[in-house]
C-alpha atoms as a PDB file:
ATOM      1  CA  UNK A   1     195.087 151.650  97.420  1.00  0.00           C
ATOM      2  CA  UNK A   2     195.219 151.845 101.201  1.00  0.00           C
ATOM      3  CA  UNK A   3     197.125 154.796 102.637  1.00  0.00           C
ATOM      4  CA  UNK A   4     198.540 152.457 105.299  1.00  0.00           C
ATOM      5  CA  UNK A   5     201.764 150.575 104.580  1.00  0.00           C
ATOM      6  CA  UNK A   6     201.467 146.805 104.763  1.00  0.00           C
ATOM      7  CA  UNK A   7     197.670 146.863 105.047  1.00  0.00           C
ATOM      8  CA  UNK A   8     195.159 145.966 102.353  1.00  0.00           C
ATOM      9  CA  UNK A   9     191.678 147.288 103.081  1.00  0.00           C
ATOM     10  CA  UNK A  10     188.717 145.370 101.716  1.00  0.00           C
ATOM     11  CA  UNK A  11     184.957 145.707 101.727  1.00  0.00           C
ATOM     12  CA  UNK A  12     182.229 143.178 102.386  1.00  0.00           C
ATOM     13  CA  UNK A  13     180.071 142.338  99.403  1.00  0.00           C
ATOM     14  CA  UNK A  14     176.901 143.247 101.341  1.00  0.00           C
ATOM     15  CA  UNK A  15     178.143 146.807 101.786  1.00  0.00           C
ATOM     16  CA  UNK A  16     177.921 147.366  98.033  1.00  0.00           C
ATOM     17  CA  UNK A  17     174.854 147.724  95.806  1.00  0.00           C
ATOM     18  CA  UNK A  18     173.292 144.360  94.938  1.00  0.00           C
ATOM     19  CA  UNK A  19     171.694 143.321  91.671  1.00  0.00           C
ATOM     20  CA  UNK A  20     174.874 143.872  89.656  1.00  0.00           C
ATOM     21  CA  UNK A  21     177.385 141.427  88.207  1.00  0.00           C
ATOM     22  CA  UNK A  22     180.806 140.840  89.684  1.00  0.00           C
ATOM     23  CA  UNK A  23     182.547 143.148  87.216  1.00  0.00           C
ATOM     24  CA  UNK A  24     180.371 146.079  88.289  1.00  0.00           C
ATOM     25  CA  UNK A  25     180.701 145.176  91.974  1.00  0.00           C
ATOM     26  CA  UNK A  26     184.484 144.955  91.786  1.00  0.00           C
ATOM     27  CA  UNK A  27     184.766 148.116  89.707  1.00  0.00           C
ATOM     28  CA  UNK A  28     182.695 150.061  92.248  1.00  0.00           C
ATOM     29  CA  UNK A  29     184.890 148.790  95.076  1.00  0.00           C
ATOM     30  CA  UNK A  30     188.030 149.875  93.249  1.00  0.00           C
ATOM     31  CA  UNK A  31     186.540 153.295  92.544  1.00  0.00           C
ATOM     32  CA  UNK A  32     185.809 153.664  96.268  1.00  0.00           C
ATOM     33  CA  UNK A  33     189.472 153.049  97.050  1.00  0.00           C
ATOM     34  CA  UNK A  34     189.360 149.448  98.259  1.00  0.00           C
ATOM     35  CA  UNK A  35     192.080 146.886  97.652  1.00  0.00           C
ATOM     36  CA  UNK A  36     189.830 143.813  97.587  1.00  0.00           C
ATOM     37  CA  UNK A  37     186.286 142.529  98.035  1.00  0.00           C
ATOM     38  CA  UNK A  38     185.088 139.795 100.393  1.00  0.00           C
ATOM     39  CA  UNK A  39     182.562 137.387  98.887  1.00  0.00           C
ATOM     40  CA  UNK A  40     179.598 136.362 101.031  1.00  0.00           C
ATOM     41  CA  UNK A  41     178.425 132.758 101.184  1.00  0.00           C
ATOM     42  CA  UNK A  42     175.523 132.993 103.601  1.00  0.00           C
ATOM     43  CA  UNK A  43     172.600 130.520 103.976  1.00  0.00           C
ATOM     44  CA  UNK A  44     170.473 132.266 101.322  1.00  0.00           C
ATOM     45  CA  UNK A  45     169.599 130.260  98.231  1.00  0.00           C
ATOM     46  CA  UNK A  46     171.082 132.895  95.932  1.00  0.00           C
ATOM     47  CA  UNK A  47     174.517 132.733  97.522  1.00  0.00           C
ATOM     48  CA  UNK A  48     174.548 128.983  98.177  1.00  0.00           C
ATOM     49  CA  UNK A  49     174.083 128.458  94.431  1.00  0.00           C
ATOM     50  CA  UNK A  50     177.611 129.804  94.000  1.00  0.00           C
ATOM     51  CA  UNK A  51     178.918 126.581  95.539  1.00  0.00           C
ATOM     52  CA  UNK A  52     177.791 124.631  92.469  1.00  0.00           C
ATOM     53  CA  UNK A  53     178.759 127.128  89.779  1.00  0.00           C
ATOM     54  CA  UNK A  54     179.909 125.219  86.672  1.00  0.00           C
ATOM     55  CA  UNK A  55     183.456 125.728  85.459  1.00  0.00           C
ATOM     56  CA  UNK A  56     182.263 128.051  82.707  1.00  0.00           C
ATOM     57  CA  UNK A  57     180.745 130.396  85.288  1.00  0.00           C
ATOM     58  CA  UNK A  58     183.907 130.275  87.395  1.00  0.00           C
ATOM     59  CA  UNK A  59     186.012 131.165  84.369  1.00  0.00           C
ATOM     60  CA  UNK A  60     183.658 134.069  83.638  1.00  0.00           C
ATOM     61  CA  UNK A  61     184.056 135.449  87.179  1.00  0.00           C
ATOM     62  CA  UNK A  62     187.837 135.073  86.966  1.00  0.00           C
ATOM     63  CA  UNK A  63     187.732 137.092  83.753  1.00  0.00           C
ATOM     64  CA  UNK A  64     185.705 139.820  85.505  1.00  0.00           C
ATOM     65  CA  UNK A  65     188.245 139.899  88.331  1.00  0.00           C
ATOM     66  CA  UNK A  66     191.103 140.313  85.868  1.00  0.00           C
ATOM     67  CA  UNK A  67     189.307 143.041  83.896  1.00  0.00           C
ATOM     68  CA  UNK A  68     188.308 144.965  87.031  1.00  0.00           C
ATOM     69  CA  UNK A  69     191.862 144.790  88.361  1.00  0.00           C
ATOM     70  CA  UNK A  70     190.816 144.074  91.962  1.00  0.00           C
ATOM     71  CA  UNK A  71     190.664 140.629  93.611  1.00  0.00           C
ATOM     72  CA  UNK A  72     188.055 138.772  95.591  1.00  0.00           C
ATOM     73  CA  UNK A  73     190.668 138.055  98.235  1.00  0.00           C
ATOM     74  CA  UNK A  74     188.553 136.564 101.028  1.00  0.00           C
ATOM     75  CA  UNK A  75     185.297 134.663 101.510  1.00  0.00           C
ATOM     76  CA  UNK A  76     182.893 134.994 104.439  1.00  0.00           C
ATOM     77  CA  UNK A  77     181.441 131.491 104.806  1.00  0.00           C
ATOM     78  CA  UNK A  78     178.529 132.126 107.146  1.00  0.00           C
ATOM     79  CA  UNK A  79     176.326 129.435 105.567  1.00  0.00           C
ATOM     80  CA  UNK A  80     177.225 127.131 108.447  1.00  0.00           C
ATOM     81  CA  UNK A  81     174.787 129.053 110.632  1.00  0.00           C
ATOM     82  CA  UNK A  82     172.175 126.775 109.036  1.00  0.00           C
ATOM     83  CA  UNK A  83     174.316 123.626 109.186  1.00  0.00           C
ATOM     84  CA  UNK A  84     176.771 123.990 112.093  1.00  0.00           C
ATOM     85  CA  UNK A  85     179.730 121.660 112.205  1.00  0.00           C
ATOM     86  CA  UNK A  86     179.182 120.489 115.791  1.00  0.00           C
ATOM     87  CA  UNK A  87     175.461 119.770 115.622  1.00  0.00           C
ATOM     88  CA  UNK A  88     174.093 116.645 117.254  1.00  0.00           C
ATOM     89  CA  UNK A  89     172.225 115.892 114.036  1.00  0.00           C
ATOM     90  CA  UNK A  90     174.475 113.840 111.761  1.00  0.00           C
ATOM     91  CA  UNK A  91     172.672 115.029 108.615  1.00  0.00           C
ATOM     92  CA  UNK A  92     173.203 118.676 109.622  1.00  0.00           C
ATOM     93  CA  UNK A  93     176.911 118.018 110.217  1.00  0.00           C
ATOM     94  CA  UNK A  94     177.210 116.193 106.895  1.00  0.00           C
ATOM     95  CA  UNK A  95     175.653 119.126 105.052  1.00  0.00           C
ATOM     96  CA  UNK A  96     177.910 121.516 106.951  1.00  0.00           C
ATOM     97  CA  UNK A  97     181.049 119.687 105.856  1.00  0.00           C
ATOM     98  CA  UNK A  98     179.783 119.498 102.288  1.00  0.00           C
ATOM     99  CA  UNK A  99     179.325 123.280 102.285  1.00  0.00           C
ATOM    100  CA  UNK A 100     182.857 123.783 103.617  1.00  0.00           C
ATOM    101  CA  UNK A 101     184.419 121.499 101.026  1.00  0.00           C
ATOM    102  CA  UNK A 102     182.518 123.154  98.183  1.00  0.00           C
ATOM    103  CA  UNK A 103     183.528 126.588  99.477  1.00  0.00           C
ATOM    104  CA  UNK A 104     187.206 125.597  99.535  1.00  0.00           C
ATOM    105  CA  UNK A 105     186.977 124.350  95.947  1.00  0.00           C
ATOM    106  CA  UNK A 106     185.232 127.549  94.817  1.00  0.00           C
ATOM    107  CA  UNK A 107     187.867 129.655  96.576  1.00  0.00           C
ATOM    108  CA  UNK A 108     190.685 127.768  94.870  1.00  0.00           C
ATOM    109  CA  UNK A 109     189.023 128.175  91.465  1.00  0.00           C
ATOM    110  CA  UNK A 110     188.582 131.953  91.962  1.00  0.00           C
ATOM    111  CA  UNK A 111     192.019 132.483  93.575  1.00  0.00           C
ATOM    112  CA  UNK A 112     190.405 133.504  96.880  1.00  0.00           C
ATOM    113  CA  UNK A 113     193.136 133.249  99.511  1.00  0.00           C
ATOM    114  CA  UNK A 114     191.191 133.028 102.797  1.00  0.00           C
ATOM    115  CA  UNK A 115     187.938 131.227 103.620  1.00  0.00           C
ATOM    116  CA  UNK A 116     186.494 132.415 106.911  1.00  0.00           C
ATOM    117  CA  UNK A 117     185.041 129.541 108.942  1.00  0.00           C
ATOM    118  CA  UNK A 118     182.178 130.406 111.274  1.00  0.00           C
ATOM    119  CA  UNK A 119     182.413 129.300 114.892  1.00  0.00           C
ATOM    120  CA  UNK A 120     178.842 128.008 115.235  1.00  0.00           C
ATOM    121  CA  UNK A 121     178.704 124.533 116.791  1.00  0.00           C
ATOM    122  CA  UNK A 122     174.926 123.991 116.946  1.00  0.00           C
ATOM    123  CA  UNK A 123     171.640 125.361 115.661  1.00  0.00           C
ATOM    124  CA  UNK A 124     170.106 128.280 117.595  1.00  0.00           C
ATOM    125  CA  UNK A 125     167.279 126.111 118.955  1.00  0.00           C
ATOM    126  CA  UNK A 126     169.467 123.047 119.556  1.00  0.00           C
ATOM    127  CA  UNK A 127     170.209 122.156 123.174  1.00  0.00           C
ATOM    128  CA  UNK A 128     173.876 121.418 123.920  1.00  0.00           C
ATOM    129  CA  UNK A 129     174.715 117.760 124.455  1.00  0.00           C
ATOM    130  CA  UNK A 130     178.250 118.076 125.815  1.00  0.00           C
ATOM    131  CA  UNK A 131     179.906 116.972 122.567  1.00  0.00           C
ATOM    132  CA  UNK A 132     179.167 119.904 120.266  1.00  0.00           C
ATOM    133  CA  UNK A 133     182.595 121.446 120.749  1.00  0.00           C
ATOM    134  CA  UNK A 134     184.471 118.192 120.180  1.00  0.00           C
ATOM    135  CA  UNK A 135     182.516 117.477 116.999  1.00  0.00           C
ATOM    136  CA  UNK A 136     183.173 121.024 115.805  1.00  0.00           C
ATOM    137  CA  UNK A 137     186.927 120.615 116.288  1.00  0.00           C
ATOM    138  CA  UNK A 138     186.969 117.311 114.398  1.00  0.00           C
ATOM    139  CA  UNK A 139     185.072 118.887 111.507  1.00  0.00           C
ATOM    140  CA  UNK A 140     187.546 121.770 111.396  1.00  0.00           C
ATOM    141  CA  UNK A 141     190.376 119.218 111.388  1.00  0.00           C
ATOM    142  CA  UNK A 142     188.872 117.630 108.263  1.00  0.00           C
ATOM    143  CA  UNK A 143     188.342 121.042 106.672  1.00  0.00           C
ATOM    144  CA  UNK A 144     192.029 121.852 107.213  1.00  0.00           C
ATOM    145  CA  UNK A 145     192.996 118.717 105.291  1.00  0.00           C
ATOM    146  CA  UNK A 146     190.821 119.759 102.350  1.00  0.00           C
ATOM    147  CA  UNK A 147     192.222 123.288 102.517  1.00  0.00           C
ATOM    148  CA  UNK A 148     195.788 121.971 102.393  1.00  0.00           C
ATOM    149  CA  UNK A 149     194.943 119.957  99.275  1.00  0.00           C
ATOM    150  CA  UNK A 150     193.821 123.148  97.476  1.00  0.00           C
ATOM    151  CA  UNK A 151     196.373 125.512  99.121  1.00  0.00           C
ATOM    152  CA  UNK A 152     193.617 127.695 100.608  1.00  0.00           C
ATOM    153  CA  UNK A 153     193.898 129.264 104.063  1.00  0.00           C
ATOM    154  CA  UNK A 154     191.083 128.796 106.567  1.00  0.00           C
ATOM    155  CA  UNK A 155     190.469 131.572 109.066  1.00  0.00           C
ATOM    156  CA  UNK A 156     188.441 130.871 112.190  1.00  0.00           C
ATOM    157  CA  UNK A 157     186.311 133.862 113.113  1.00  0.00           C
ATOM    158  CA  UNK A 158     185.282 134.632 116.675  1.00  0.00           C
ATOM    159  CA  UNK A 159     181.496 134.907 116.495  1.00  0.00           C
ATOM    160  CA  UNK A 160     178.861 136.874 118.376  1.00  0.00           C
ATOM    161  CA  UNK A 161     177.760 133.493 119.791  1.00  0.00           C
ATOM    162  CA  UNK A 162     178.677 129.846 119.374  1.00  0.00           C
ATOM    163  CA  UNK A 163     181.698 127.717 120.207  1.00  0.00           C
ATOM    164  CA  UNK A 164     184.285 130.196 118.875  1.00  0.00           C
ATOM    165  CA  UNK A 165     183.138 133.059 121.088  1.00  0.00           C
ATOM    166  CA  UNK A 166     186.527 134.772 121.424  1.00  0.00           C
ATOM    167  CA  UNK A 167     189.901 134.973 119.671  1.00  0.00           C
ATOM    168  CA  UNK A 168     191.439 133.051 122.567  1.00  0.00           C
ATOM    169  CA  UNK A 169     189.012 130.159 122.019  1.00  0.00           C
ATOM    170  CA  UNK A 170     189.833 130.207 118.319  1.00  0.00           C
ATOM    171  CA  UNK A 171     193.554 129.922 119.063  1.00  0.00           C
ATOM    172  CA  UNK A 172     192.900 126.930 121.313  1.00  0.00           C
ATOM    173  CA  UNK A 173     191.209 125.168 118.383  1.00  0.00           C
ATOM    174  CA  UNK A 174     194.004 126.220 116.015  1.00  0.00           C
ATOM    175  CA  UNK A 175     196.584 124.678 118.336  1.00  0.00           C
ATOM    176  CA  UNK A 176     194.556 121.500 118.736  1.00  0.00           C
ATOM    177  CA  UNK A 177     194.100 121.021 114.987  1.00  0.00           C
ATOM    178  CA  UNK A 178     197.749 121.957 114.367  1.00  0.00           C
ATOM    179  CA  UNK A 179     197.613 122.694 110.639  1.00  0.00           C
ATOM    180  CA  UNK A 180     199.485 125.491 108.829  1.00  0.00           C
ATOM    181  CA  UNK A 181     196.304 126.007 106.797  1.00  0.00           C
ATOM    182  CA  UNK A 182     194.214 127.009 109.819  1.00  0.00           C
ATOM    183  CA  UNK A 183     194.651 130.406 111.460  1.00  0.00           C
ATOM    184  CA  UNK A 184     192.597 133.259 112.961  1.00  0.00           C
ATOM    185  CA  UNK A 185     190.496 135.748 110.996  1.00  0.00           C
ATOM    186  CA  UNK A 186     189.654 137.968 113.950  1.00  0.00           C
ATOM    187  CA  UNK A 187     186.506 140.072 114.277  1.00  0.00           C
ATOM    188  CA  UNK A 188     187.315 143.007 116.548  1.00  0.00           C
ATOM    189  CA  UNK A 189     183.668 144.044 116.855  1.00  0.00           C
ATOM    190  CA  UNK A 190     182.569 140.635 118.136  1.00  0.00           C
ATOM    191  CA  UNK A 191     185.023 140.933 121.017  1.00  0.00           C
ATOM    192  CA  UNK A 192     182.990 143.907 122.261  1.00  0.00           C
ATOM    193  CA  UNK A 193     179.678 142.158 121.492  1.00  0.00           C
ATOM    194  CA  UNK A 194     180.654 139.419 123.941  1.00  0.00           C
ATOM    195  CA  UNK A 195     181.838 141.841 126.622  1.00  0.00           C
ATOM    196  CA  UNK A 196     185.523 140.893 126.400  1.00  0.00           C
ATOM    197  CA  UNK A 197     188.730 142.924 126.694  1.00  0.00           C
ATOM    198  CA  UNK A 198     189.893 143.835 123.194  1.00  0.00           C
ATOM    199  CA  UNK A 199     193.534 144.475 124.017  1.00  0.00           C
ATOM    200  CA  UNK A 200     193.886 141.324 126.138  1.00  0.00           C
ATOM    201  CA  UNK A 201     192.330 139.185 123.415  1.00  0.00           C
ATOM    202  CA  UNK A 202     194.597 140.648 120.733  1.00  0.00           C
ATOM    203  CA  UNK A 203     197.699 140.183 122.891  1.00  0.00           C
ATOM    204  CA  UNK A 204     196.862 136.479 123.289  1.00  0.00           C
ATOM    205  CA  UNK A 205     196.711 135.662 119.569  1.00  0.00           C
ATOM    206  CA  UNK A 206     200.145 136.788 118.417  1.00  0.00           C
ATOM    207  CA  UNK A 207     201.403 134.717 115.506  1.00  0.00           C
ATOM    208  CA  UNK A 208     197.982 133.389 114.536  1.00  0.00           C
ATOM    209  CA  UNK A 209     196.376 136.294 112.643  1.00  0.00           C
ATOM    210  CA  UNK A 210     195.894 136.127 108.877  1.00  0.00           C
ATOM    211  CA  UNK A 211     193.272 138.870 108.649  1.00  0.00           C
ATOM    212  CA  UNK A 212     190.938 141.142 110.571  1.00  0.00           C
ATOM    213  CA  UNK A 213     187.266 142.030 110.298  1.00  0.00           C
ATOM    214  CA  UNK A 214     186.461 145.542 111.511  1.00  0.00           C
ATOM    215  CA  UNK A 215     183.036 146.856 112.431  1.00  0.00           C
ATOM    216  CA  UNK A 216     181.739 148.981 115.254  1.00  0.00           C
ATOM    217  CA  UNK A 217     179.560 147.270 117.849  1.00  0.00           C
ATOM    218  CA  UNK A 218     178.138 147.405 121.346  1.00  0.00           C
ATOM    219  CA  UNK A 219     177.675 144.654 123.942  1.00  0.00           C
ATOM    220  CA  UNK A 220     175.011 142.374 122.501  1.00  0.00           C
ATOM    221  CA  UNK A 221     174.703 144.442 119.288  1.00  0.00           C
ATOM    222  CA  UNK A 222     176.825 142.917 116.493  1.00  0.00           C
ATOM    223  CA  UNK A 223     175.495 144.634 113.376  1.00  0.00           C
ATOM    224  CA  UNK A 224     174.697 148.000 111.823  1.00  0.00           C
ATOM    225  CA  UNK A 225     176.377 150.223 114.400  1.00  0.00           C
ATOM    226  CA  UNK A 226     177.851 153.198 112.482  1.00  0.00           C
ATOM    227  CA  UNK A 227     181.601 153.637 112.823  1.00  0.00           C
ATOM    228  CA  UNK A 228     182.391 155.927 115.735  1.00  0.00           C
ATOM    229  CA  UNK A 229     179.033 155.332 117.451  1.00  0.00           C
ATOM    230  CA  UNK A 230     179.867 152.034 119.126  1.00  0.00           C
ATOM    231  CA  UNK A 231     182.229 150.855 121.857  1.00  0.00           C
ATOM    232  CA  UNK A 232     185.074 149.325 119.830  1.00  0.00           C
ATOM    233  CA  UNK A 233     188.375 150.985 120.892  1.00  0.00           C
ATOM    234  CA  UNK A 234     189.807 151.056 117.391  1.00  0.00           C
ATOM    235  CA  UNK A 235     192.906 153.153 118.043  1.00  0.00           C
ATOM    236  CA  UNK A 236     193.914 151.069 121.068  1.00  0.00           C
ATOM    237  CA  UNK A 237     193.285 147.852 119.134  1.00  0.00           C
ATOM    238  CA  UNK A 238     195.290 149.037 116.142  1.00  0.00           C
ATOM    239  CA  UNK A 239     198.091 150.245 118.408  1.00  0.00           C
ATOM    240  CA  UNK A 240     198.310 146.736 119.866  1.00  0.00           C
ATOM    241  CA  UNK A 241     198.297 145.175 116.383  1.00  0.00           C
ATOM    242  CA  UNK A 242     200.922 147.600 115.078  1.00  0.00           C
ATOM    243  CA  UNK A 243     203.114 146.746 118.055  1.00  0.00           C
ATOM    244  CA  UNK A 244     202.802 143.066 117.155  1.00  0.00           C
ATOM    245  CA  UNK A 245     203.926 143.796 113.600  1.00  0.00           C
ATOM    246  CA  UNK A 246     200.633 142.779 112.007  1.00  0.00           C
ATOM    247  CA  UNK A 247     200.294 143.269 108.262  1.00  0.00           C
ATOM    248  CA  UNK A 248     197.707 141.873 105.912  1.00  0.00           C
ATOM    249  CA  UNK A 249     194.045 142.226 104.977  1.00  0.00           C
ATOM    250  CA  UNK A 250     191.692 144.385 107.026  1.00  0.00           C
ATOM    251  CA  UNK A 251     188.112 143.856 105.858  1.00  0.00           C
ATOM    252  CA  UNK A 252     185.384 146.375 106.637  1.00  0.00           C
ATOM    253  CA  UNK A 253     182.213 144.489 107.519  1.00  0.00           C
ATOM    254  CA  UNK A 254     179.092 146.553 107.024  1.00  0.00           C
ATOM    255  CA  UNK A 255     175.597 146.157 105.657  1.00  0.00           C
ATOM    256  CA  UNK A 256     174.342 149.059 103.571  1.00  0.00           C
ATOM    257  CA  UNK A 257     171.015 147.401 102.704  1.00  0.00           C
ATOM    258  CA  UNK A 258     170.853 148.704  99.132  1.00  0.00           C
ATOM    259  CA  UNK A 259     170.713 152.330 100.227  1.00  0.00           C
ATOM    260  CA  UNK A 260     171.258 154.639  97.240  1.00  0.00           C
ATOM    261  CA  UNK A 261     174.445 156.095  98.722  1.00  0.00           C
ATOM    262  CA  UNK A 262     175.919 152.691  99.651  1.00  0.00           C
ATOM    263  CA  UNK A 263     179.167 153.280  97.774  1.00  0.00           C
ATOM    264  CA  UNK A 264     179.713 156.697  99.375  1.00  0.00           C
ATOM    265  CA  UNK A 265     179.035 155.217 102.826  1.00  0.00           C
ATOM    266  CA  UNK A 266     181.536 152.431 102.179  1.00  0.00           C
ATOM    267  CA  UNK A 267     184.180 154.889 100.950  1.00  0.00           C
ATOM    268  CA  UNK A 268     183.677 157.060 104.036  1.00  0.00           C
ATOM    269  CA  UNK A 269     184.112 153.992 106.246  1.00  0.00           C
ATOM    270  CA  UNK A 270     187.365 153.146 104.477  1.00  0.00           C
ATOM    271  CA  UNK A 271     188.725 156.643 105.073  1.00  0.00           C
ATOM    272  CA  UNK A 272     187.622 156.488 108.725  1.00  0.00           C
ATOM    273  CA  UNK A 273     189.362 153.144 109.297  1.00  0.00           C
ATOM    274  CA  UNK A 274     192.526 154.300 107.523  1.00  0.00           C
ATOM    275  CA  UNK A 275     192.696 157.299 109.853  1.00  0.00           C
ATOM    276  CA  UNK A 276     192.269 155.095 112.928  1.00  0.00           C
ATOM    277  CA  UNK A 277     195.008 152.746 111.671  1.00  0.00           C
ATOM    278  CA  UNK A 278     197.405 155.677 111.262  1.00  0.00           C
ATOM    279  CA  UNK A 279     196.456 157.028 114.704  1.00  0.00           C
ATOM    280  CA  UNK A 280     197.181 153.573 116.087  1.00  0.00           C
ATOM    281  CA  UNK A 281     200.749 153.685 114.857  1.00  0.00           C
ATOM    282  CA  UNK A 282     200.664 151.941 111.488  1.00  0.00           C
ATOM    283  CA  UNK A 283     202.986 153.733 109.057  1.00  0.00           C
ATOM    284  CA  UNK A 284     201.657 155.680 106.087  1.00  0.00           C
ATOM    285  CA  UNK A 285     202.394 154.279 102.675  1.00  0.00           C
ATOM    286  CA  UNK A 286     205.111 156.281 100.926  1.00  0.00           C
ATOM    287  CA  UNK A 287     204.426 157.828  97.541  1.00  0.00           C
ATOM    288  CA  UNK A 288     207.243 155.725  96.073  1.00  0.00           C
ATOM    289  CA  UNK A 289     205.577 152.468  97.200  1.00  0.00           C
ATOM    290  CA  UNK A 290     202.049 153.519  96.365  1.00  0.00           C
END
């Protein structure tokens, strides 16, 4: 359990060894001191197949969650990189919405509380047509309706590129859609990737945060920067969040690429982040509450 009061610390599925079932994956995460795991639904065939798991498979995974004693609390839905919700291609948009609806249903069946929506509005090689952003917002509006029907929270993530390129942009969309089931799942590292002011961005999103992704990063470099070797001002960011009274899930996003010491690396990252949270002013969990 996290040493920080009011904060649950989770780990990204891709930070853990692959090729194991969910019971083993969850058990390893618990042994490394994490409070939850974030499931990945990226564009790969292996992970997209999860969207059509039969009910028997979903019941089996729920049983593994119960036996391991640690939840899959959040879902990283990055599959929309391949089918962005604001694309000018109607078939791409249709597939994108289908993926979102299936992800919401899977989350509800596995008791996943937050589905992270990616902020990509068009394909990487697709020229903007002036309506990508508007189409993206309308798709998110529909997704929020589906989420409300299944009582699942959607969290917009500020991306390293795309329409949702900052927490402030995400909040603009949240206000436009105006649904209690749509909030911000902020990626602190991506703020630095896009050359923005971390503290200013955090100050502007008060009241909209339901979770935080943490990773180290540099301008233009969004992945695989070891903690402490990038430019993310973690203590200053956490001080700002503590001052706002934030509590909730903090998910460590890292890619350990099946290295043999992946679990040790993940556990070290958890300890490093816990220390930064405490340095930033979050209170330590008391022995009585822990």
